[in-house]
Amino acid sequence: MKSSQPDASKEVYPRIGKVYEVHSDKSRVKVNFHGNPIGQPIWAVIGRAFKASDIDLAIDNQLNCQINFMDGDLSLPILVDIFTSLLEEDLLILRAKNMVVQGDESVVLRSGETQVSMTAKSGTVKTTAQNINTSADKLQKIQATKVRLN
């Protein structure tokens, strides 16, 4: 005799997963999670109003996310949360139009092969690039005990 209650062993619970990509229409993201029936990242709908920077943070730092499922179907994932509060990494990637960055020991700003490294302990600023251009409308001042060229 069949019971009218659903089989608890077939119930699908929310999963922890990761976001890999944002669809060009900005309404879906590609996610992967334990037990994914496809075996590779699949498109999920976005279940609440995330800021673009939140999703970028999740992708760049591979943050854990909560994935729910429409009607308990593992092939219909819904991104419902990004666990930024659990971030305990030595490296954090941020993207924004404007920002202030402060590091107690060091700060590295990088764009492609170009970077500026600032080290607090030695008071050193190192710029690495193929070309470095500086300009000033009025005065460009270089002040140091020693100046070494090449």
N, C-alpha and C. Protein backbone atom coordinates (compact mmCIF):
# COMPACT_ATOMS: atom_id res chain seq x y z
N MET A 1 0.84 -1.17 0.00
CA MET A 1 0.00 0.00 0.00
C MET A 1 0.89 1.24 0.00
N LYS A 2 0.59 2.18 -0.89
CA LYS A 2 1.37 3.41 -1.01
C LYS A 2 0.89 4.44 -0.02
N SER A 3 1.86 5.15 0.56
CA SER A 3 1.54 6.22 1.48
C SER A 3 1.27 7.49 0.68
N SER A 4 0.40 8.34 1.20
CA SER A 4 0.10 9.60 0.53
C SER A 4 1.17 10.66 0.84
N GLN A 5 2.06 10.38 1.79
CA GLN A 5 3.12 11.32 2.13
C GLN A 5 4.30 11.14 1.19
N PRO A 6 4.98 12.24 0.84
CA PRO A 6 6.14 12.12 -0.06
C PRO A 6 7.26 11.34 0.60
N ASP A 7 8.03 10.64 -0.22
CA ASP A 7 9.17 9.86 0.24
C ASP A 7 10.28 10.81 0.65
N ALA A 8 10.65 10.81 1.93
CA ALA A 8 11.66 11.74 2.46
C ALA A 8 13.02 11.51 1.81
N SER A 9 13.31 10.27 1.37
CA SER A 9 14.61 10.00 0.75
C SER A 9 14.73 10.66 -0.62
N LYS A 10 13.61 11.02 -1.24
CA LYS A 10 13.62 11.67 -2.56
C LYS A 10 13.62 13.20 -2.45
N GLU A 11 13.47 13.72 -1.24
CA GLU A 11 13.40 15.17 -1.05
C GLU A 11 14.75 15.81 -1.38
N VAL A 12 14.70 16.92 -2.09
CA VAL A 12 15.92 17.62 -2.49
C VAL A 12 16.13 18.80 -1.56
N TYR A 13 17.28 18.84 -0.94
CA TYR A 13 17.62 19.91 -0.01
C TYR A 13 18.51 20.93 -0.70
N PRO A 14 18.56 22.16 -0.18
CA PRO A 14 19.48 23.16 -0.75
C PRO A 14 20.92 22.64 -0.70
N ARG A 15 21.71 23.06 -1.64
CA ARG A 15 23.11 22.63 -1.73
C ARG A 15 24.03 23.85 -1.68
N ILE A 16 25.27 23.58 -1.32
CA ILE A 16 26.31 24.59 -1.38
C ILE A 16 27.00 24.42 -2.73
N GLY A 17 27.20 25.52 -3.43
CA GLY A 17 27.84 25.46 -4.75
C GLY A 17 28.67 26.70 -4.99
N LYS A 18 29.08 26.86 -6.23
CA LYS A 18 29.89 28.00 -6.63
C LYS A 18 29.34 28.58 -7.93
N VAL A 19 29.53 29.89 -8.11
CA VAL A 19 29.11 30.58 -9.33
C VAL A 19 30.33 30.70 -10.23
N TYR A 20 30.14 30.41 -11.53
CA TYR A 20 31.26 30.43 -12.48
C TYR A 20 31.15 31.51 -13.55
N GLU A 21 29.94 31.97 -13.84
CA GLU A 21 29.78 32.88 -14.98
C GLU A 21 28.42 33.57 -14.87
N VAL A 22 28.34 34.78 -15.43
CA VAL A 22 27.07 35.50 -15.51
C VAL A 22 26.63 35.48 -16.97
N HIS A 23 25.37 35.14 -17.19
CA HIS A 23 24.82 35.13 -18.56
C HIS A 23 24.74 36.56 -19.08
N SER A 24 24.83 36.74 -20.38
CA SER A 24 24.80 38.08 -20.97
C SER A 24 23.50 38.83 -20.67
N ASP A 25 22.41 38.11 -20.40
CA ASP A 25 21.14 38.79 -20.07
C ASP A 25 21.05 39.20 -18.60
N LYS A 26 22.08 38.85 -17.81
CA LYS A 26 22.19 39.23 -16.39
C LYS A 26 21.10 38.64 -15.49
N SER A 27 20.31 37.71 -16.00
CA SER A 27 19.25 37.12 -15.17
C SER A 27 19.59 35.70 -14.74
N ARG A 28 20.70 35.16 -15.25
CA ARG A 28 21.10 33.80 -14.91
C ARG A 28 22.61 33.74 -14.65
N VAL A 29 23.00 32.74 -13.88
CA VAL A 29 24.41 32.49 -13.62
C VAL A 29 24.69 31.01 -13.80
N LYS A 30 25.91 30.68 -14.14
CA LYS A 30 26.30 29.28 -14.27
C LYS A 30 26.84 28.83 -12.91
N VAL A 31 26.28 27.74 -12.38
CA VAL A 31 26.66 27.24 -11.05
C VAL A 31 27.02 25.76 -11.12
N ASN A 32 27.75 25.31 -10.12
CA ASN A 32 28.01 23.89 -9.93
C ASN A 32 27.81 23.59 -8.46
N PHE A 33 27.41 22.37 -8.14
CA PHE A 33 27.09 21.98 -6.77
C PHE A 33 27.21 20.48 -6.64
N HIS A 34 27.36 20.00 -5.41
CA HIS A 34 27.46 18.57 -5.15
C HIS A 34 26.16 17.89 -5.59
N GLY A 35 26.29 16.82 -6.34
CA GLY A 35 25.12 16.09 -6.81
C GLY A 35 24.54 16.63 -8.10
N ASN A 36 25.24 17.53 -8.77
CA ASN A 36 24.78 18.08 -10.04
C ASN A 36 24.61 16.93 -11.04
N PRO A 37 23.39 16.70 -11.56
CA PRO A 37 23.16 15.57 -12.45
C PRO A 37 23.85 15.71 -13.81
N ILE A 38 24.20 16.91 -14.20
CA ILE A 38 24.85 17.16 -15.49
C ILE A 38 26.36 16.90 -15.40
N GLY A 39 26.94 17.09 -14.21
CA GLY A 39 28.36 16.87 -14.02
C GLY A 39 29.24 18.03 -14.44
N GLN A 40 28.64 19.14 -14.83
CA GLN A 40 29.37 20.36 -15.17
C GLN A 40 28.48 21.54 -14.82
N PRO A 41 29.05 22.76 -14.72
CA PRO A 41 28.22 23.91 -14.34
C PRO A 41 27.01 24.08 -15.26
N ILE A 42 25.86 24.45 -14.64
CA ILE A 42 24.62 24.65 -15.39
C ILE A 42 24.02 26.01 -15.04
N TRP A 43 23.13 26.50 -15.91
CA TRP A 43 22.52 27.80 -15.70
C TRP A 43 21.50 27.74 -14.58
N ALA A 44 21.57 28.73 -13.70
CA ALA A 44 20.62 28.85 -12.58
C ALA A 44 19.98 30.22 -12.66
N VAL A 45 18.72 30.31 -12.25
CA VAL A 45 18.09 31.62 -12.16
C VAL A 45 18.60 32.30 -10.90
N ILE A 46 18.57 33.62 -10.90
CA ILE A 46 18.99 34.39 -9.73
C ILE A 46 17.76 34.62 -8.88
N GLY A 47 17.79 34.10 -7.65
CA GLY A 47 16.61 34.07 -6.80
C GLY A 47 16.33 35.32 -5.99
N ARG A 48 17.23 36.29 -6.00
CA ARG A 48 16.98 37.55 -5.30
C ARG A 48 17.83 38.64 -5.93
N ALA A 49 17.66 39.86 -5.49
CA ALA A 49 18.35 41.00 -6.10
C ALA A 49 19.78 41.12 -5.57
N PHE A 50 20.72 40.50 -6.25
CA PHE A 50 22.13 40.65 -5.92
C PHE A 50 22.69 41.85 -6.67
N LYS A 51 23.65 42.55 -6.06
CA LYS A 51 24.39 43.57 -6.79
C LYS A 51 25.37 42.84 -7.72
N ALA A 52 25.67 43.45 -8.85
CA ALA A 52 26.63 42.84 -9.78
C ALA A 52 27.96 42.60 -9.09
N SER A 53 28.35 43.51 -8.19
CA SER A 53 29.63 43.35 -7.48
C SER A 53 29.62 42.13 -6.55
N ASP A 54 28.44 41.77 -6.00
CA ASP A 54 28.34 40.57 -5.16
C ASP A 54 28.60 39.31 -5.98
N ILE A 55 28.01 39.27 -7.17
CA ILE A 55 28.20 38.10 -8.03
C ILE A 55 29.64 38.05 -8.54
N ASP A 56 30.20 39.21 -8.91
CA ASP A 56 31.61 39.25 -9.32
C ASP A 56 32.52 38.76 -8.20
N LEU A 57 32.24 39.18 -6.97
CA LEU A 57 33.02 38.75 -5.81
C LEU A 57 32.95 37.23 -5.65
N ALA A 58 31.75 36.67 -5.82
CA ALA A 58 31.57 35.22 -5.71
C ALA A 58 32.35 34.48 -6.78
N ILE A 59 32.34 34.99 -8.00
CA ILE A 59 33.06 34.34 -9.10
C ILE A 59 34.57 34.47 -8.89
N ASP A 60 35.04 35.68 -8.66
CA ASP A 60 36.48 35.94 -8.55
C ASP A 60 37.12 35.20 -7.39
N ASN A 61 36.40 35.05 -6.29
CA ASN A 61 36.96 34.44 -5.08
C ASN A 61 36.42 33.05 -4.81
N GLN A 62 35.64 32.50 -5.75
CA GLN A 62 35.06 31.16 -5.62
C GLN A 62 34.40 30.97 -4.25
N LEU A 63 33.54 31.93 -3.90
CA LEU A 63 32.82 31.88 -2.63
C LEU A 63 31.73 30.82 -2.68
N ASN A 64 31.45 30.22 -1.53
CA ASN A 64 30.34 29.28 -1.45
C ASN A 64 29.02 30.02 -1.57
N CYS A 65 28.06 29.38 -2.22
CA CYS A 65 26.74 29.96 -2.44
C CYS A 65 25.68 28.92 -2.09
N GLN A 66 24.50 29.39 -1.70
CA GLN A 66 23.38 28.48 -1.45
C GLN A 66 22.57 28.35 -2.73
N ILE A 67 22.35 27.11 -3.13
CA ILE A 67 21.58 26.80 -4.33
C ILE A 67 20.33 26.04 -3.90
N ASN A 68 19.16 26.57 -4.22
CA ASN A 68 17.89 25.87 -4.03
C ASN A 68 17.45 25.33 -5.38
N PHE A 69 16.35 24.57 -5.40
CA PHE A 69 15.91 23.94 -6.64
C PHE A 69 14.41 24.11 -6.82
N MET A 70 14.02 24.51 -8.02
CA MET A 70 12.62 24.70 -8.34
C MET A 70 11.92 23.34 -8.36
N ASP A 71 10.87 23.23 -7.58
CA ASP A 71 10.07 22.00 -7.48
C ASP A 71 10.92 20.78 -7.17
N GLY A 72 12.05 20.97 -6.45
CA GLY A 72 12.90 19.85 -6.07
C GLY A 72 13.66 19.21 -7.22
N ASP A 73 13.75 19.89 -8.35
CA ASP A 73 14.41 19.35 -9.54
C ASP A 73 15.86 19.85 -9.58
N LEU A 74 16.83 18.93 -9.45
CA LEU A 74 18.25 19.30 -9.44
C LEU A 74 18.71 19.95 -10.75
N SER A 75 17.94 19.81 -11.80
CA SER A 75 18.33 20.44 -13.07
C SER A 75 17.77 21.86 -13.20
N LEU A 76 17.06 22.34 -12.15
CA LEU A 76 16.50 23.70 -12.14
C LEU A 76 16.99 24.47 -10.91
N PRO A 77 18.29 24.81 -10.88
CA PRO A 77 18.85 25.49 -9.70
C PRO A 77 18.47 26.97 -9.62
N ILE A 78 18.46 27.46 -8.38
CA ILE A 78 18.17 28.87 -8.09
C ILE A 78 19.26 29.36 -7.13
N LEU A 79 19.99 30.41 -7.51
CA LEU A 79 20.98 31.01 -6.62
C LEU A 79 20.25 31.89 -5.62
N VAL A 80 20.35 31.57 -4.32
CA VAL A 80 19.61 32.33 -3.32
C VAL A 80 20.50 33.09 -2.33
N ASP A 81 21.77 32.70 -2.19
CA ASP A 81 22.63 33.41 -1.25
C ASP A 81 24.10 33.22 -1.62
N ILE A 82 24.90 34.21 -1.28
CA ILE A 82 26.35 34.17 -1.44
C ILE A 82 26.95 34.39 -0.07
N PHE A 83 27.79 33.46 0.38
CA PHE A 83 28.32 33.51 1.73
C PHE A 83 29.60 34.33 1.81
N THR A 84 29.45 35.65 1.77
CA THR A 84 30.62 36.52 1.88
C THR A 84 31.11 36.62 3.31
N SER A 85 30.23 36.40 4.27
CA SER A 85 30.63 36.52 5.67
C SER A 85 31.56 35.40 6.10
N LEU A 86 31.64 34.33 5.32
CA LEU A 86 32.51 33.20 5.66
C LEU A 86 33.87 33.30 4.99
N LEU A 87 34.14 34.42 4.34
CA LEU A 87 35.39 34.60 3.62
C LEU A 87 36.56 34.69 4.59
N GLU A 88 37.48 33.74 4.50
CA GLU A 88 38.68 33.74 5.34
C GLU A 88 39.89 33.46 4.47
N GLU A 89 40.03 34.21 3.41
CA GLU A 89 41.11 33.99 2.47
C GLU A 89 42.20 35.04 2.66
N ASP A 90 43.43 34.70 2.29
CA ASP A 90 44.53 35.65 2.32
C ASP A 90 44.45 36.62 1.15
N LEU A 91 43.76 36.22 0.09
CA LEU A 91 43.63 37.05 -1.11
C LEU A 91 42.16 37.33 -1.37
N LEU A 92 41.83 38.58 -1.62
CA LEU A 92 40.46 38.99 -1.92
C LEU A 92 40.49 39.81 -3.19
N ILE A 93 39.68 39.45 -4.17
CA ILE A 93 39.61 40.19 -5.42
C ILE A 93 38.35 41.02 -5.41
N LEU A 94 38.49 42.34 -5.61
CA LEU A 94 37.37 43.28 -5.63
C LEU A 94 37.36 44.01 -6.96
N ARG A 95 36.16 44.31 -7.45
CA ARG A 95 36.04 45.13 -8.66
C ARG A 95 35.02 46.22 -8.39
N ALA A 96 35.39 47.48 -8.66
CA ALA A 96 34.48 48.61 -8.47
C ALA A 96 34.96 49.77 -9.32
N LYS A 97 34.09 50.74 -9.53
CA LYS A 97 34.46 51.92 -10.31
C LYS A 97 35.50 52.76 -9.56
N ASN A 98 35.31 52.97 -8.26
CA ASN A 98 36.25 53.70 -7.40
C ASN A 98 36.42 52.93 -6.10
N MET A 99 37.63 52.97 -5.52
CA MET A 99 37.84 52.30 -4.24
C MET A 99 39.07 52.84 -3.53
N VAL A 100 39.11 52.62 -2.22
CA VAL A 100 40.27 52.90 -1.39
C VAL A 100 40.73 51.55 -0.87
N VAL A 101 42.01 51.28 -1.02
CA VAL A 101 42.57 50.00 -0.58
C VAL A 101 43.63 50.30 0.47
N GLN A 102 43.55 49.62 1.60
CA GLN A 102 44.53 49.82 2.66
C GLN A 102 44.95 48.45 3.18
N GLY A 103 46.25 48.20 3.21
CA GLY A 103 46.77 46.94 3.72
C GLY A 103 47.77 47.20 4.83
N ASP A 104 47.72 46.42 5.91
CA ASP A 104 48.63 46.62 7.03
C ASP A 104 50.07 46.25 6.66
N GLU A 105 50.26 45.20 5.86
CA GLU A 105 51.61 44.77 5.49
C GLU A 105 51.98 45.15 4.07
N SER A 106 51.07 44.92 3.13
CA SER A 106 51.37 45.26 1.74
C SER A 106 50.09 45.41 0.93
N VAL A 107 50.22 46.10 -0.19
CA VAL A 107 49.13 46.26 -1.15
C VAL A 107 49.73 46.07 -2.53
N VAL A 108 49.08 45.26 -3.36
CA VAL A 108 49.49 45.07 -4.75
C VAL A 108 48.31 45.44 -5.63
N LEU A 109 48.54 46.37 -6.54
CA LEU A 109 47.54 46.73 -7.54
C LEU A 109 48.02 46.14 -8.85
N ARG A 110 47.17 45.36 -9.52
CA ARG A 110 47.60 44.65 -10.72
C ARG A 110 46.58 44.82 -11.84
N SER A 111 47.09 45.03 -13.03
CA SER A 111 46.27 45.06 -14.23
C SER A 111 47.06 44.38 -15.33
N GLY A 112 46.69 43.17 -15.67
CA GLY A 112 47.45 42.41 -16.67
C GLY A 112 48.86 42.16 -16.17
N GLU A 113 49.85 42.54 -16.97
CA GLU A 113 51.26 42.35 -16.60
C GLU A 113 51.84 43.53 -15.83
N THR A 114 51.03 44.54 -15.58
CA THR A 114 51.48 45.75 -14.90
C THR A 114 51.07 45.70 -13.44
N GLN A 115 51.97 46.11 -12.54
CA GLN A 115 51.58 46.13 -11.14
C GLN A 115 52.36 47.17 -10.35
N VAL A 116 51.73 47.60 -9.26
CA VAL A 116 52.35 48.49 -8.29
C VAL A 116 52.29 47.76 -6.95
N SER A 117 53.46 47.57 -6.33
CA SER A 117 53.53 46.89 -5.03
C SER A 117 53.97 47.90 -3.98
N MET A 118 53.26 47.93 -2.87
CA MET A 118 53.61 48.82 -1.76
C MET A 118 53.82 47.95 -0.52
N THR A 119 54.98 48.08 0.11
CA THR A 119 55.31 47.29 1.28
C THR A 119 55.51 48.21 2.47
N ALA A 120 54.73 48.01 3.51
CA ALA A 120 54.75 48.90 4.67
C ALA A 120 56.06 48.79 5.45
N LYS A 121 56.52 47.57 5.69
CA LYS A 121 57.69 47.35 6.55
C LYS A 121 58.93 48.06 6.01
N SER A 122 59.18 47.96 4.70
CA SER A 122 60.37 48.59 4.12
C SER A 122 60.08 49.97 3.54
N GLY A 123 58.82 50.36 3.51
CA GLY A 123 58.46 51.66 2.94
C GLY A 123 58.75 51.73 1.45
N THR A 124 58.59 50.62 0.76
CA THR A 124 58.94 50.50 -0.65
C THR A 124 57.70 50.53 -1.54
N VAL A 125 57.81 51.28 -2.64
CA VAL A 125 56.81 51.24 -3.71
C VAL A 125 57.54 50.78 -4.95
N LYS A 126 57.07 49.70 -5.57
CA LYS A 126 57.71 49.16 -6.77
C LYS A 126 56.67 49.12 -7.89
N THR A 127 57.01 49.74 -9.01
CA THR A 127 56.13 49.74 -10.18
C THR A 127 56.77 48.86 -11.25
N THR A 128 56.00 47.92 -11.78
CA THR A 128 56.48 47.03 -12.82
C THR A 128 55.57 47.16 -14.03
N ALA A 129 56.16 47.51 -15.18
CA ALA A 129 55.37 47.67 -16.40
C ALA A 129 56.31 47.72 -17.60
N GLN A 130 55.76 47.53 -18.79
CA GLN A 130 56.57 47.68 -20.00
C GLN A 130 56.88 49.14 -20.26
N ASN A 131 55.94 50.02 -20.00
CA ASN A 131 56.14 51.46 -20.18
C ASN A 131 55.56 52.19 -18.97
N ILE A 132 56.31 53.16 -18.46
CA ILE A 132 55.83 53.98 -17.35
C ILE A 132 55.93 55.43 -17.79
N ASN A 133 54.83 56.13 -17.76
CA ASN A 133 54.79 57.54 -18.13
C ASN A 133 54.33 58.35 -16.94
N THR A 134 55.03 59.44 -16.67
CA THR A 134 54.58 60.37 -15.64
C THR A 134 54.53 61.75 -16.26
N SER A 135 53.59 62.55 -15.81
CA SER A 135 53.49 63.91 -16.35
C SER A 135 52.91 64.83 -15.28
N ALA A 136 53.22 66.11 -15.44
CA ALA A 136 52.69 67.11 -14.52
C ALA A 136 52.44 68.39 -15.30
N ASP A 137 51.36 69.07 -15.00
CA ASP A 137 51.06 70.34 -15.66
C ASP A 137 51.96 71.46 -15.15
N LYS A 138 52.39 71.38 -13.92
CA LYS A 138 53.21 72.46 -13.34
C LYS A 138 54.59 71.97 -12.93
N LEU A 139 54.68 71.13 -11.92
CA LEU A 139 55.98 70.75 -11.37
C LEU A 139 55.98 69.25 -11.08
N GLN A 140 57.04 68.59 -11.48
CA GLN A 140 57.23 67.19 -11.11
C GLN A 140 58.50 67.15 -10.28
N LYS A 141 58.37 66.74 -9.04
CA LYS A 141 59.49 66.83 -8.10
C LYS A 141 59.93 65.42 -7.72
N ILE A 142 61.22 65.18 -7.79
CA ILE A 142 61.81 63.93 -7.31
C ILE A 142 62.71 64.31 -6.15
N GLN A 143 62.41 63.78 -4.97
CA GLN A 143 63.19 64.12 -3.79
C GLN A 143 63.63 62.83 -3.12
N ALA A 144 64.94 62.65 -2.96
CA ALA A 144 65.47 61.46 -2.32
C ALA A 144 66.91 61.71 -1.92
N THR A 145 67.43 60.87 -1.03
CA THR A 145 68.84 60.95 -0.68
C THR A 145 69.69 60.55 -1.88
N LYS A 146 69.23 59.52 -2.62
CA LYS A 146 69.91 59.06 -3.83
C LYS A 146 68.87 58.88 -4.92
N VAL A 147 69.28 59.15 -6.15
CA VAL A 147 68.46 58.86 -7.32
C VAL A 147 69.33 58.04 -8.26
N ARG A 148 68.85 56.85 -8.64
CA ARG A 148 69.62 55.98 -9.53
C ARG A 148 68.83 55.80 -10.83
N LEU A 149 69.46 56.07 -11.94
CA LEU A 149 68.85 55.87 -13.26
C LEU A 149 69.57 54.71 -13.94
N ASN A 150 68.81 53.73 -14.36
CA ASN A 150 69.36 52.52 -14.99
C ASN A 150 70.46 51.97 -14.13
